[in-house]
Amino acid sequence: MLTVPDSGVAGESTNAPHVISSLAARFLTAIDIVGFSQRSATEQAKLHDDLERAMSQAAANAGLDRSSWNRQPRGDGELSVLPGHSDGLCLVADYPRSLSSALAEINRSADRDSRLRVRMAIHHGPAYPSLFGPVGEGPITVSRLLDAPVLRQMLRQRTDIDIALIVSDAVYNEIIQGRFRELDPKMFRRTSIRIKGNCYVGYRYVTRQAMIGA
């Protein structure tokens, strides 16, 4: 969970306003389980267990230390802020590939209606820990991208895939266009999302295969 820096004042009231001294650019990722609210409580608990196992395995395989992430559970998923020293290339190129493989393994014995399927967003932007989770442009943008209708539509149309990925324009410009680790800009489609009067630009991953590199 995210922690709020100690003010250093003994006995200070928890109702005192939290002063933000600075915002640091961080890599962020958010993930939601598809159709979570439609499942029974027992099924929801199993989905939580399976998703946690898949994300932990995927992070380890991608060379990322998930225990160092500031993680905010969100009922049907998670928003994570990575520490400043994290390798963004591992997050963007390797983590989704590993997560896709982990989900495929989990779903191997599941019937069509009980599969674990997710939407995933990745962004690089300013974030800061606060009382109720991270604040700043970064958490807002990654959350808006995660809720993009185009991701939901993709998963409805492509019942063969377990994950729908979108990255922000910052990630696309900084990493995808560099073609690192076989990332291909041509496999990403630009999309604009207007939510609450604001426009967010993202690039969704499109392929005939289940996921990048599959």
N, C-alpha and C. Protein backbone atom coordinates (compact mmCIF):
# COMPACT_ATOMS: atom_id res chain seq x y z
N MET A 1 0.83 -1.19 0.00
CA MET A 1 0.00 0.00 0.00
C MET A 1 0.87 1.24 0.00
N LEU A 2 0.34 2.32 -0.49
CA LEU A 2 1.05 3.59 -0.49
C LEU A 2 1.14 4.12 0.93
N THR A 3 2.27 4.70 1.27
CA THR A 3 2.44 5.30 2.58
C THR A 3 2.66 6.79 2.43
N VAL A 4 2.17 7.55 3.40
CA VAL A 4 2.32 8.99 3.38
C VAL A 4 3.56 9.35 4.18
N PRO A 5 4.47 10.16 3.62
CA PRO A 5 5.68 10.53 4.35
C PRO A 5 5.36 11.15 5.70
N ASP A 6 6.13 10.77 6.71
CA ASP A 6 5.95 11.29 8.06
C ASP A 6 6.24 12.78 8.08
N SER A 7 5.37 13.56 8.73
CA SER A 7 5.57 15.00 8.79
C SER A 7 6.67 15.38 9.73
N GLY A 8 7.00 14.43 10.65
CA GLY A 8 8.07 14.72 11.59
C GLY A 8 7.59 15.50 12.80
N VAL A 9 6.30 15.79 12.90
CA VAL A 9 5.76 16.53 14.02
C VAL A 9 5.02 15.57 14.92
N ALA A 10 5.52 15.35 16.12
CA ALA A 10 4.93 14.39 17.03
C ALA A 10 3.53 14.85 17.43
N GLY A 11 2.60 13.89 17.42
CA GLY A 11 1.26 14.19 17.88
C GLY A 11 0.44 15.01 16.93
N GLU A 12 0.90 15.20 15.71
CA GLU A 12 0.16 16.00 14.75
C GLU A 12 -1.16 15.33 14.40
N SER A 13 -2.24 16.08 14.31
CA SER A 13 -3.55 15.54 14.01
C SER A 13 -3.58 14.94 12.62
N THR A 14 -4.26 13.79 12.48
CA THR A 14 -4.38 13.17 11.17
C THR A 14 -5.30 13.96 10.26
N ASN A 15 -6.03 14.94 10.83
CA ASN A 15 -6.92 15.77 10.03
C ASN A 15 -6.20 16.98 9.44
N ALA A 16 -4.95 17.14 9.78
CA ALA A 16 -4.19 18.27 9.25
C ALA A 16 -4.01 18.10 7.76
N PRO A 17 -4.02 19.20 6.99
CA PRO A 17 -3.85 19.09 5.54
C PRO A 17 -2.50 18.51 5.19
N HIS A 18 -2.49 17.66 4.18
CA HIS A 18 -1.24 17.03 3.74
C HIS A 18 -0.57 17.92 2.70
N VAL A 19 0.62 18.35 2.99
CA VAL A 19 1.34 19.26 2.11
C VAL A 19 2.20 18.46 1.15
N ILE A 20 1.99 18.67 -0.13
CA ILE A 20 2.77 17.99 -1.16
C ILE A 20 3.97 18.86 -1.50
N SER A 21 5.15 18.34 -1.24
CA SER A 21 6.36 19.13 -1.48
C SER A 21 6.84 19.03 -2.91
N SER A 22 6.58 17.88 -3.56
CA SER A 22 7.04 17.70 -4.94
C SER A 22 6.30 16.54 -5.58
N LEU A 23 6.27 16.55 -6.90
CA LEU A 23 5.72 15.46 -7.68
C LEU A 23 6.84 14.84 -8.50
N ALA A 24 6.94 13.52 -8.45
CA ALA A 24 8.00 12.84 -9.18
C ALA A 24 7.40 12.03 -10.31
N ALA A 25 8.08 12.00 -11.45
CA ALA A 25 7.63 11.19 -12.58
C ALA A 25 7.87 9.72 -12.26
N ARG A 26 6.86 8.93 -12.43
CA ARG A 26 6.92 7.50 -12.13
C ARG A 26 6.21 6.70 -13.23
N PHE A 27 6.60 5.45 -13.38
CA PHE A 27 5.83 4.54 -14.21
C PHE A 27 4.67 4.02 -13.37
N LEU A 28 3.50 3.96 -13.99
CA LEU A 28 2.31 3.47 -13.32
C LEU A 28 1.62 2.43 -14.18
N THR A 29 0.99 1.48 -13.53
CA THR A 29 0.18 0.50 -14.25
C THR A 29 -1.10 0.25 -13.49
N ALA A 30 -2.18 0.04 -14.22
CA ALA A 30 -3.47 -0.25 -13.61
C ALA A 30 -4.09 -1.44 -14.32
N ILE A 31 -4.83 -2.23 -13.57
CA ILE A 31 -5.42 -3.44 -14.14
C ILE A 31 -6.78 -3.69 -13.52
N ASP A 32 -7.73 -4.13 -14.33
CA ASP A 32 -9.08 -4.45 -13.88
C ASP A 32 -9.50 -5.81 -14.41
N ILE A 33 -10.24 -6.56 -13.61
CA ILE A 33 -10.77 -7.84 -14.02
C ILE A 33 -12.08 -7.62 -14.78
N VAL A 34 -12.21 -8.25 -15.91
CA VAL A 34 -13.41 -8.13 -16.73
C VAL A 34 -14.56 -8.92 -16.11
N GLY A 35 -15.73 -8.29 -16.01
CA GLY A 35 -16.92 -8.98 -15.53
C GLY A 35 -16.88 -9.36 -14.07
N PHE A 36 -16.09 -8.64 -13.27
CA PHE A 36 -15.90 -9.01 -11.87
C PHE A 36 -17.19 -8.94 -11.07
N SER A 37 -17.96 -7.87 -11.24
CA SER A 37 -19.17 -7.68 -10.45
C SER A 37 -20.25 -8.70 -10.75
N GLN A 38 -20.13 -9.39 -11.87
CA GLN A 38 -21.13 -10.38 -12.25
C GLN A 38 -20.86 -11.76 -11.64
N ARG A 39 -19.73 -11.90 -10.97
CA ARG A 39 -19.36 -13.18 -10.38
C ARG A 39 -19.88 -13.29 -8.94
N SER A 40 -19.97 -14.50 -8.44
CA SER A 40 -20.36 -14.72 -7.05
C SER A 40 -19.19 -14.35 -6.14
N ALA A 41 -19.47 -14.23 -4.84
CA ALA A 41 -18.41 -13.86 -3.89
C ALA A 41 -17.27 -14.88 -3.91
N THR A 42 -17.63 -16.16 -4.00
CA THR A 42 -16.60 -17.21 -4.05
C THR A 42 -15.75 -17.07 -5.32
N GLU A 43 -16.40 -16.80 -6.43
CA GLU A 43 -15.68 -16.63 -7.69
C GLU A 43 -14.81 -15.38 -7.65
N GLN A 44 -15.30 -14.30 -7.05
CA GLN A 44 -14.52 -13.07 -6.95
C GLN A 44 -13.25 -13.29 -6.13
N ALA A 45 -13.38 -14.03 -5.03
CA ALA A 45 -12.22 -14.31 -4.19
C ALA A 45 -11.18 -15.12 -4.96
N LYS A 46 -11.65 -16.09 -5.74
CA LYS A 46 -10.72 -16.89 -6.54
C LYS A 46 -10.04 -16.03 -7.61
N LEU A 47 -10.81 -15.12 -8.24
CA LEU A 47 -10.22 -14.23 -9.23
C LEU A 47 -9.14 -13.36 -8.61
N HIS A 48 -9.38 -12.87 -7.40
CA HIS A 48 -8.36 -12.09 -6.70
C HIS A 48 -7.09 -12.92 -6.51
N ASP A 49 -7.26 -14.14 -6.03
CA ASP A 49 -6.10 -15.01 -5.80
C ASP A 49 -5.35 -15.28 -7.10
N ASP A 50 -6.10 -15.58 -8.15
CA ASP A 50 -5.47 -15.90 -9.43
C ASP A 50 -4.76 -14.68 -10.02
N LEU A 51 -5.39 -13.51 -9.91
CA LEU A 51 -4.76 -12.30 -10.46
C LEU A 51 -3.50 -11.96 -9.70
N GLU A 52 -3.54 -12.07 -8.38
CA GLU A 52 -2.34 -11.80 -7.58
C GLU A 52 -1.21 -12.74 -7.97
N ARG A 53 -1.54 -14.01 -8.13
CA ARG A 53 -0.53 -15.00 -8.53
C ARG A 53 0.02 -14.69 -9.92
N ALA A 54 -0.86 -14.31 -10.84
CA ALA A 54 -0.43 -14.01 -12.21
C ALA A 54 0.47 -12.77 -12.25
N MET A 55 0.09 -11.72 -11.53
CA MET A 55 0.89 -10.50 -11.53
C MET A 55 2.24 -10.70 -10.86
N SER A 56 2.26 -11.43 -9.76
CA SER A 56 3.53 -11.69 -9.07
C SER A 56 4.47 -12.51 -9.95
N GLN A 57 3.92 -13.53 -10.59
CA GLN A 57 4.73 -14.36 -11.49
C GLN A 57 5.22 -13.56 -12.68
N ALA A 58 4.34 -12.74 -13.26
CA ALA A 58 4.71 -11.95 -14.42
C ALA A 58 5.79 -10.94 -14.09
N ALA A 59 5.67 -10.29 -12.94
CA ALA A 59 6.67 -9.31 -12.54
C ALA A 59 8.03 -9.97 -12.33
N ALA A 60 8.03 -11.10 -11.66
CA ALA A 60 9.29 -11.82 -11.43
C ALA A 60 9.93 -12.23 -12.74
N ASN A 61 9.13 -12.74 -13.67
CA ASN A 61 9.66 -13.16 -14.97
C ASN A 61 10.17 -11.98 -15.79
N ALA A 62 9.60 -10.79 -15.54
CA ALA A 62 10.03 -9.59 -16.26
C ALA A 62 11.19 -8.87 -15.58
N GLY A 63 11.66 -9.41 -14.47
CA GLY A 63 12.77 -8.79 -13.76
C GLY A 63 12.36 -7.59 -12.94
N LEU A 64 11.09 -7.55 -12.50
CA LEU A 64 10.59 -6.44 -11.71
C LEU A 64 10.31 -6.90 -10.28
N ASP A 65 10.60 -6.04 -9.32
CA ASP A 65 10.38 -6.34 -7.91
C ASP A 65 9.03 -5.76 -7.50
N ARG A 66 7.98 -6.57 -7.59
CA ARG A 66 6.64 -6.07 -7.31
C ARG A 66 6.45 -5.71 -5.84
N SER A 67 7.26 -6.29 -4.96
CA SER A 67 7.15 -5.96 -3.54
C SER A 67 7.53 -4.51 -3.26
N SER A 68 8.25 -3.88 -4.20
CA SER A 68 8.66 -2.49 -4.01
C SER A 68 7.64 -1.50 -4.59
N TRP A 69 6.60 -2.02 -5.26
CA TRP A 69 5.60 -1.14 -5.86
C TRP A 69 4.67 -0.59 -4.79
N ASN A 70 4.21 0.63 -4.96
CA ASN A 70 3.14 1.18 -4.14
C ASN A 70 1.83 0.76 -4.79
N ARG A 71 1.14 -0.19 -4.14
CA ARG A 71 -0.02 -0.83 -4.75
C ARG A 71 -1.31 -0.42 -4.04
N GLN A 72 -2.28 -0.02 -4.81
CA GLN A 72 -3.58 0.39 -4.28
C GLN A 72 -4.66 -0.56 -4.81
N PRO A 73 -5.15 -1.49 -3.98
CA PRO A 73 -6.24 -2.37 -4.41
C PRO A 73 -7.47 -1.55 -4.77
N ARG A 74 -8.20 -2.02 -5.81
CA ARG A 74 -9.36 -1.26 -6.27
C ARG A 74 -10.58 -2.16 -6.46
N GLY A 75 -10.72 -3.16 -5.63
CA GLY A 75 -11.88 -4.03 -5.71
C GLY A 75 -11.78 -5.07 -6.80
N ASP A 76 -11.80 -4.59 -8.05
CA ASP A 76 -11.68 -5.52 -9.18
C ASP A 76 -10.33 -5.42 -9.86
N GLY A 77 -9.37 -4.83 -9.18
CA GLY A 77 -8.04 -4.72 -9.77
C GLY A 77 -7.07 -3.97 -8.88
N GLU A 78 -6.14 -3.29 -9.50
CA GLU A 78 -5.07 -2.66 -8.74
C GLU A 78 -4.46 -1.51 -9.53
N LEU A 79 -4.09 -0.44 -8.84
CA LEU A 79 -3.30 0.64 -9.41
C LEU A 79 -1.95 0.63 -8.70
N SER A 80 -0.87 0.61 -9.48
CA SER A 80 0.46 0.51 -8.90
C SER A 80 1.35 1.64 -9.40
N VAL A 81 2.12 2.21 -8.46
CA VAL A 81 3.13 3.21 -8.80
C VAL A 81 4.49 2.58 -8.54
N LEU A 82 5.31 2.52 -9.57
CA LEU A 82 6.62 1.88 -9.43
C LEU A 82 7.64 2.87 -8.87
N PRO A 83 8.64 2.39 -8.15
CA PRO A 83 9.67 3.29 -7.62
C PRO A 83 10.50 3.90 -8.74
N GLY A 84 11.17 4.99 -8.42
CA GLY A 84 11.89 5.75 -9.44
C GLY A 84 12.97 4.98 -10.16
N HIS A 85 13.53 3.97 -9.52
CA HIS A 85 14.63 3.23 -10.15
C HIS A 85 14.14 2.10 -11.06
N SER A 86 12.84 1.94 -11.18
CA SER A 86 12.30 0.82 -11.96
C SER A 86 12.66 0.93 -13.44
N ASP A 87 12.81 -0.22 -14.08
CA ASP A 87 13.13 -0.28 -15.50
C ASP A 87 11.83 -0.22 -16.30
N GLY A 88 11.56 0.93 -16.89
CA GLY A 88 10.34 1.11 -17.65
C GLY A 88 10.24 0.19 -18.85
N LEU A 89 11.37 -0.17 -19.43
CA LEU A 89 11.37 -1.07 -20.57
C LEU A 89 10.87 -2.46 -20.17
N CYS A 90 11.28 -2.92 -18.99
CA CYS A 90 10.79 -4.21 -18.50
C CYS A 90 9.29 -4.15 -18.27
N LEU A 91 8.81 -3.03 -17.75
CA LEU A 91 7.38 -2.89 -17.49
C LEU A 91 6.57 -2.90 -18.78
N VAL A 92 7.03 -2.17 -19.79
CA VAL A 92 6.26 -2.00 -21.02
C VAL A 92 6.42 -3.19 -21.96
N ALA A 93 7.62 -3.71 -22.11
CA ALA A 93 7.87 -4.76 -23.09
C ALA A 93 7.70 -6.17 -22.52
N ASP A 94 8.17 -6.38 -21.28
CA ASP A 94 8.22 -7.75 -20.76
C ASP A 94 7.06 -8.10 -19.84
N TYR A 95 6.61 -7.16 -19.02
CA TYR A 95 5.56 -7.46 -18.05
C TYR A 95 4.26 -7.89 -18.73
N PRO A 96 3.75 -7.18 -19.74
CA PRO A 96 2.52 -7.63 -20.39
C PRO A 96 2.66 -9.00 -21.04
N ARG A 97 3.81 -9.27 -21.65
CA ARG A 97 4.03 -10.58 -22.26
C ARG A 97 3.97 -11.67 -21.19
N SER A 98 4.65 -11.44 -20.08
CA SER A 98 4.67 -12.44 -19.01
C SER A 98 3.29 -12.60 -18.38
N LEU A 99 2.57 -11.49 -18.25
CA LEU A 99 1.23 -11.57 -17.68
C LEU A 99 0.30 -12.36 -18.60
N SER A 100 0.43 -12.15 -19.89
CA SER A 100 -0.37 -12.90 -20.84
C SER A 100 -0.13 -14.40 -20.71
N SER A 101 1.12 -14.78 -20.56
CA SER A 101 1.46 -16.20 -20.40
C SER A 101 0.89 -16.75 -19.10
N ALA A 102 0.99 -15.96 -18.03
CA ALA A 102 0.48 -16.40 -16.73
C ALA A 102 -1.03 -16.57 -16.77
N LEU A 103 -1.73 -15.66 -17.43
CA LEU A 103 -3.18 -15.76 -17.55
C LEU A 103 -3.58 -16.98 -18.38
N ALA A 104 -2.82 -17.22 -19.45
CA ALA A 104 -3.11 -18.38 -20.30
C ALA A 104 -2.99 -19.67 -19.51
N GLU A 105 -2.00 -19.74 -18.64
CA GLU A 105 -1.81 -20.95 -17.83
C GLU A 105 -2.95 -21.12 -16.84
N ILE A 106 -3.37 -20.02 -16.21
CA ILE A 106 -4.47 -20.07 -15.25
C ILE A 106 -5.76 -20.49 -15.95
N ASN A 107 -5.97 -19.97 -17.15
CA ASN A 107 -7.21 -20.22 -17.88
C ASN A 107 -7.23 -21.53 -18.65
N ARG A 108 -6.12 -22.24 -18.62
CA ARG A 108 -6.02 -23.45 -19.42
C ARG A 108 -7.11 -24.47 -19.06
N SER A 109 -7.44 -24.56 -17.78
CA SER A 109 -8.42 -25.54 -17.34
C SER A 109 -9.78 -24.91 -17.03
N ALA A 110 -9.93 -23.62 -17.32
CA ALA A 110 -11.19 -22.93 -17.03
C ALA A 110 -12.13 -23.00 -18.22
N ASP A 111 -13.44 -23.02 -17.94
CA ASP A 111 -14.38 -22.97 -19.04
C ASP A 111 -14.49 -21.53 -19.55
N ARG A 112 -15.18 -21.36 -20.65
CA ARG A 112 -15.19 -20.07 -21.34
C ARG A 112 -15.71 -18.93 -20.47
N ASP A 113 -16.70 -19.20 -19.64
CA ASP A 113 -17.34 -18.15 -18.86
C ASP A 113 -16.61 -17.82 -17.56
N SER A 114 -15.68 -18.65 -17.15
CA SER A 114 -14.99 -18.42 -15.88
C SER A 114 -13.54 -17.98 -16.04
N ARG A 115 -13.12 -17.72 -17.26
CA ARG A 115 -11.74 -17.29 -17.49
C ARG A 115 -11.45 -15.96 -16.82
N LEU A 116 -10.20 -15.80 -16.42
CA LEU A 116 -9.71 -14.54 -15.87
C LEU A 116 -9.22 -13.68 -17.02
N ARG A 117 -9.95 -12.58 -17.30
CA ARG A 117 -9.59 -11.68 -18.39
C ARG A 117 -9.46 -10.27 -17.81
N VAL A 118 -8.54 -9.48 -18.34
CA VAL A 118 -8.25 -8.19 -17.73
C VAL A 118 -8.04 -7.10 -18.77
N ARG A 119 -8.23 -5.86 -18.33
CA ARG A 119 -7.80 -4.67 -19.05
C ARG A 119 -6.58 -4.12 -18.33
N MET A 120 -5.63 -3.59 -19.09
CA MET A 120 -4.38 -3.12 -18.50
C MET A 120 -3.95 -1.82 -19.15
N ALA A 121 -3.48 -0.86 -18.33
CA ALA A 121 -2.98 0.42 -18.83
C ALA A 121 -1.62 0.72 -18.21
N ILE A 122 -0.77 1.37 -18.99
CA ILE A 122 0.57 1.76 -18.52
C ILE A 122 0.81 3.22 -18.88
N HIS A 123 1.37 3.97 -17.93
CA HIS A 123 1.61 5.40 -18.14
C HIS A 123 2.91 5.79 -17.44
N HIS A 124 3.47 6.91 -17.85
CA HIS A 124 4.62 7.50 -17.17
C HIS A 124 4.30 8.97 -16.93
N GLY A 125 4.19 9.33 -15.65
CA GLY A 125 3.80 10.70 -15.34
C GLY A 125 3.96 10.99 -13.85
N PRO A 126 3.65 12.22 -13.43
CA PRO A 126 3.85 12.62 -12.03
C PRO A 126 2.87 11.94 -11.09
N ALA A 127 3.38 11.52 -9.95
CA ALA A 127 2.54 10.89 -8.93
C ALA A 127 3.16 11.16 -7.56
N TYR A 128 2.29 11.17 -6.56
CA TYR A 128 2.75 11.41 -5.20
C TYR A 128 1.84 10.65 -4.24
N PRO A 129 2.39 10.01 -3.19
CA PRO A 129 1.55 9.28 -2.25
C PRO A 129 0.73 10.23 -1.38
N SER A 130 -0.51 9.85 -1.10
CA SER A 130 -1.36 10.64 -0.24
C SER A 130 -2.24 9.72 0.59
N LEU A 131 -3.10 10.29 1.42
CA LEU A 131 -3.85 9.51 2.40
C LEU A 131 -4.71 8.42 1.78
N PHE A 132 -5.34 8.71 0.66
CA PHE A 132 -6.26 7.75 0.06
C PHE A 132 -5.72 7.18 -1.25
N GLY A 133 -4.41 7.18 -1.42
CA GLY A 133 -3.83 6.66 -2.63
C GLY A 133 -3.03 7.72 -3.36
N PRO A 134 -2.41 7.36 -4.48
CA PRO A 134 -1.55 8.30 -5.21
C PRO A 134 -2.36 9.43 -5.82
N VAL A 135 -1.74 10.62 -5.85
CA VAL A 135 -2.37 11.78 -6.46
C VAL A 135 -1.46 12.34 -7.54
N GLY A 136 -2.02 13.16 -8.41
CA GLY A 136 -1.26 13.75 -9.50
C GLY A 136 -1.82 13.33 -10.85
N GLU A 137 -1.22 13.86 -11.89
CA GLU A 137 -1.69 13.56 -13.25
C GLU A 137 -1.52 12.09 -13.58
N GLY A 138 -0.47 11.47 -13.10
CA GLY A 138 -0.18 10.08 -13.44
C GLY A 138 -1.29 9.12 -13.10
N PRO A 139 -1.72 9.06 -11.83
CA PRO A 139 -2.80 8.14 -11.47
C PRO A 139 -4.10 8.41 -12.20
N ILE A 140 -4.41 9.69 -12.43
CA ILE A 140 -5.65 10.02 -13.13
C ILE A 140 -5.60 9.51 -14.57
N THR A 141 -4.49 9.78 -15.26
CA THR A 141 -4.37 9.38 -16.66
C THR A 141 -4.42 7.87 -16.82
N VAL A 142 -3.68 7.13 -16.01
CA VAL A 142 -3.66 5.68 -16.17
C VAL A 142 -5.03 5.08 -15.86
N SER A 143 -5.76 5.69 -14.94
CA SER A 143 -7.11 5.22 -14.61
C SER A 143 -8.09 5.50 -15.74
N ARG A 144 -7.98 6.67 -16.35
CA ARG A 144 -8.86 7.03 -17.47
C ARG A 144 -8.61 6.10 -18.66
N LEU A 145 -7.35 5.83 -18.94
CA LEU A 145 -7.02 4.94 -20.04
C LEU A 145 -7.56 3.54 -19.79
N LEU A 146 -7.47 3.10 -18.55
CA LEU A 146 -7.96 1.77 -18.21
C LEU A 146 -9.46 1.64 -18.47
N ASP A 147 -10.18 2.74 -18.31
CA ASP A 147 -11.62 2.73 -18.50
C ASP A 147 -12.04 3.03 -19.94
N ALA A 148 -11.10 3.08 -20.86
CA ALA A 148 -11.42 3.40 -22.25
C ALA A 148 -12.41 2.40 -22.82
N PRO A 149 -13.51 2.89 -23.39
CA PRO A 149 -14.52 1.98 -23.98
C PRO A 149 -13.93 1.05 -25.04
N VAL A 150 -12.88 1.51 -25.73
CA VAL A 150 -12.32 0.69 -26.80
C VAL A 150 -11.72 -0.61 -26.25
N LEU A 151 -11.22 -0.60 -25.01
CA LEU A 151 -10.69 -1.83 -24.42
C LEU A 151 -11.81 -2.82 -24.12
N ARG A 152 -12.90 -2.29 -23.60
CA ARG A 152 -14.05 -3.16 -23.31
C ARG A 152 -14.59 -3.77 -24.60
N GLN A 153 -14.67 -2.94 -25.63
CA GLN A 153 -15.16 -3.42 -26.92
C GLN A 153 -14.23 -4.49 -27.49
N MET A 154 -12.94 -4.28 -27.34
CA MET A 154 -11.97 -5.26 -27.86
C MET A 154 -12.17 -6.62 -27.22
N LEU A 155 -12.38 -6.63 -25.90
CA LEU A 155 -12.54 -7.90 -25.21
C LEU A 155 -13.88 -8.56 -25.52
N ARG A 156 -14.89 -7.76 -25.82
CA ARG A 156 -16.17 -8.33 -26.24
C ARG A 156 -16.06 -8.98 -27.61
N GLN A 157 -15.30 -8.33 -28.49
CA GLN A 157 -15.18 -8.83 -29.86
C GLN A 157 -14.17 -9.96 -29.98
N ARG A 158 -13.12 -9.90 -29.17
CA ARG A 158 -12.06 -10.89 -29.24
C ARG A 158 -12.13 -11.81 -28.03
N THR A 159 -13.02 -12.78 -28.07
CA THR A 159 -13.18 -13.67 -26.94
C THR A 159 -12.00 -14.63 -26.76
N ASP A 160 -11.08 -14.61 -27.73
CA ASP A 160 -9.92 -15.51 -27.65
C ASP A 160 -8.78 -14.90 -26.86
N ILE A 161 -8.83 -13.60 -26.53
CA ILE A 161 -7.73 -12.98 -25.81
C ILE A 161 -8.10 -12.78 -24.34
N ASP A 162 -7.08 -12.78 -23.48
CA ASP A 162 -7.30 -12.65 -22.04
C ASP A 162 -6.91 -11.28 -21.51
N ILE A 163 -6.26 -10.46 -22.34
CA ILE A 163 -5.78 -9.18 -21.87
C ILE A 163 -5.87 -8.15 -23.00
N ALA A 164 -6.35 -6.95 -22.63
CA ALA A 164 -6.38 -5.82 -23.56
C ALA A 164 -5.49 -4.74 -22.98
N LEU A 165 -4.49 -4.31 -23.75
CA LEU A 165 -3.48 -3.38 -23.26
C LEU A 165 -3.58 -2.03 -23.96
N ILE A 166 -3.43 -0.97 -23.16
CA ILE A 166 -3.33 0.37 -23.71
C ILE A 166 -2.19 1.09 -22.98
N VAL A 167 -1.42 1.89 -23.71
CA VAL A 167 -0.36 2.70 -23.12
C VAL A 167 -0.65 4.16 -23.42
N SER A 168 -0.12 5.04 -22.60
CA SER A 168 -0.32 6.47 -22.80
C SER A 168 0.55 6.97 -23.94
N ASP A 169 0.27 8.18 -24.39
CA ASP A 169 1.10 8.75 -25.44
C ASP A 169 2.53 8.96 -24.96
N ALA A 170 2.71 9.23 -23.65
CA ALA A 170 4.06 9.39 -23.11
C ALA A 170 4.85 8.09 -23.24
N VAL A 171 4.23 6.97 -22.88
CA VAL A 171 4.91 5.67 -22.99
C VAL A 171 5.16 5.32 -24.46
N TYR A 172 4.18 5.60 -25.30
CA TYR A 172 4.35 5.32 -26.73
C TYR A 172 5.54 6.10 -27.30
N ASN A 173 5.62 7.39 -26.97
CA ASN A 173 6.70 8.23 -27.51
C ASN A 173 8.06 7.89 -26.91
N GLU A 174 8.08 7.56 -25.63
CA GLU A 174 9.34 7.33 -24.94
C GLU A 174 9.92 5.94 -25.18
N ILE A 175 9.04 4.95 -25.33
CA ILE A 175 9.51 3.56 -25.37
C ILE A 175 9.09 2.82 -26.63
N ILE A 176 7.79 2.85 -26.95
CA ILE A 176 7.31 2.05 -28.08
C ILE A 176 7.99 2.44 -29.38
N GLN A 177 8.10 3.75 -29.62
CA GLN A 177 8.70 4.21 -30.88
C GLN A 177 10.18 3.89 -30.98
N GLY A 178 10.80 3.57 -29.84
CA GLY A 178 12.21 3.18 -29.86
C GLY A 178 12.42 1.76 -30.36
N ARG A 179 11.32 1.00 -30.51
CA ARG A 179 11.36 -0.38 -31.01
C ARG A 179 12.24 -1.30 -30.16
N PHE A 180 12.34 -0.99 -28.88
CA PHE A 180 13.12 -1.84 -27.99
C PHE A 180 12.45 -3.21 -27.84
N ARG A 181 13.25 -4.25 -27.74
CA ARG A 181 12.80 -5.62 -27.47
C ARG A 181 11.61 -6.02 -28.34
N GLU A 182 11.75 -5.72 -29.62
CA GLU A 182 10.79 -6.14 -30.64
C GLU A 182 9.42 -5.47 -30.50
N LEU A 183 9.34 -4.38 -29.76
CA LEU A 183 8.11 -3.59 -29.73
C LEU A 183 7.93 -2.92 -31.09
N ASP A 184 6.74 -3.04 -31.65
CA ASP A 184 6.48 -2.53 -32.99
C ASP A 184 5.41 -1.44 -32.93
N PRO A 185 5.77 -0.19 -33.22
CA PRO A 185 4.77 0.89 -33.18
C PRO A 185 3.57 0.64 -34.06
N LYS A 186 3.74 -0.14 -35.14
CA LYS A 186 2.64 -0.40 -36.05
C LYS A 186 1.55 -1.27 -35.41
N MET A 187 1.89 -1.93 -34.31
CA MET A 187 0.92 -2.78 -33.64
C MET A 187 0.12 -2.02 -32.59
N PHE A 188 0.29 -0.71 -32.53
CA PHE A 188 -0.45 0.11 -31.58
C PHE A 188 -1.29 1.13 -32.35
N ARG A 189 -2.54 1.29 -31.95
CA ARG A 189 -3.47 2.19 -32.62
C ARG A 189 -3.83 3.35 -31.69
N ARG A 190 -3.68 4.56 -32.21
CA ARG A 190 -3.97 5.76 -31.44
C ARG A 190 -5.47 5.86 -31.17
N THR A 191 -5.82 6.23 -29.96
CA THR A 191 -7.23 6.43 -29.62
C THR A 191 -7.36 7.59 -28.66
N SER A 192 -8.41 8.38 -28.84
CA SER A 192 -8.68 9.52 -27.97
C SER A 192 -9.87 9.19 -27.09
N ILE A 193 -9.76 9.53 -25.82
CA ILE A 193 -10.81 9.25 -24.86
C ILE A 193 -11.21 10.56 -24.17
N ARG A 194 -12.47 10.91 -24.26
CA ARG A 194 -12.95 12.12 -23.59
C ARG A 194 -13.79 11.71 -22.38
N ILE A 195 -13.31 12.09 -21.21
CA ILE A 195 -13.98 11.75 -19.96
C ILE A 195 -14.02 13.00 -19.07
N LYS A 196 -15.20 13.32 -18.60
CA LYS A 196 -15.39 14.46 -17.70
C LYS A 196 -14.80 15.74 -18.27
N GLY A 197 -14.98 15.93 -19.57
CA GLY A 197 -14.54 17.15 -20.22
C GLY A 197 -13.08 17.19 -20.58
N ASN A 198 -12.33 16.15 -20.27
CA ASN A 198 -10.90 16.11 -20.58
C ASN A 198 -10.62 15.03 -21.63
N CYS A 199 -9.62 15.28 -22.47
CA CYS A 199 -9.24 14.34 -23.52
C CYS A 199 -7.93 13.65 -23.15
N TYR A 200 -7.93 12.33 -23.25
CA TYR A 200 -6.74 11.53 -22.96
C TYR A 200 -6.39 10.73 -24.21
N VAL A 201 -5.11 10.71 -24.54
CA VAL A 201 -4.64 10.00 -25.73
C VAL A 201 -3.90 8.74 -25.32
N GLY A 202 -4.29 7.63 -25.90
CA GLY A 202 -3.63 6.38 -25.62
C GLY A 202 -3.39 5.60 -26.90
N TYR A 203 -2.62 4.54 -26.79
CA TYR A 203 -2.33 3.65 -27.91
C TYR A 203 -2.63 2.22 -27.46
N ARG A 204 -3.66 1.62 -28.06
CA ARG A 204 -4.03 0.26 -27.70
C ARG A 204 -3.27 -0.73 -28.57
N TYR A 205 -2.93 -1.84 -27.96
CA TYR A 205 -2.20 -2.87 -28.67
C TYR A 205 -3.18 -3.74 -29.45
N VAL A 206 -2.89 -3.96 -30.71
CA VAL A 206 -3.76 -4.79 -31.55
C VAL A 206 -2.93 -5.87 -32.22
N THR A 207 -3.48 -7.07 -32.27
CA THR A 207 -2.77 -8.19 -32.88
C THR A 207 -3.73 -9.33 -33.14
N ARG A 208 -3.36 -10.22 -34.04
CA ARG A 208 -4.14 -11.43 -34.27
C ARG A 208 -3.84 -12.47 -33.22
N GLN A 209 -2.74 -12.27 -32.55
CA GLN A 209 -2.35 -13.22 -31.50
C GLN A 209 -2.91 -12.75 -30.17
N ALA A 210 -2.72 -13.54 -29.14
CA ALA A 210 -3.29 -13.24 -27.84
C ALA A 210 -2.64 -12.03 -27.19
N MET A 211 -1.34 -11.82 -27.46
CA MET A 211 -0.66 -10.72 -26.80
C MET A 211 0.67 -10.49 -27.49
N ILE A 212 1.39 -9.46 -27.07
CA ILE A 212 2.68 -9.14 -27.66
C ILE A 212 3.60 -10.35 -27.60
N GLY A 213 4.16 -10.68 -28.73
CA GLY A 213 5.16 -11.74 -28.75
C GLY A 213 4.59 -13.15 -28.60
N ALA A 214 3.26 -13.27 -28.52
CA ALA A 214 2.69 -14.60 -28.33
C ALA A 214 2.82 -15.43 -29.59
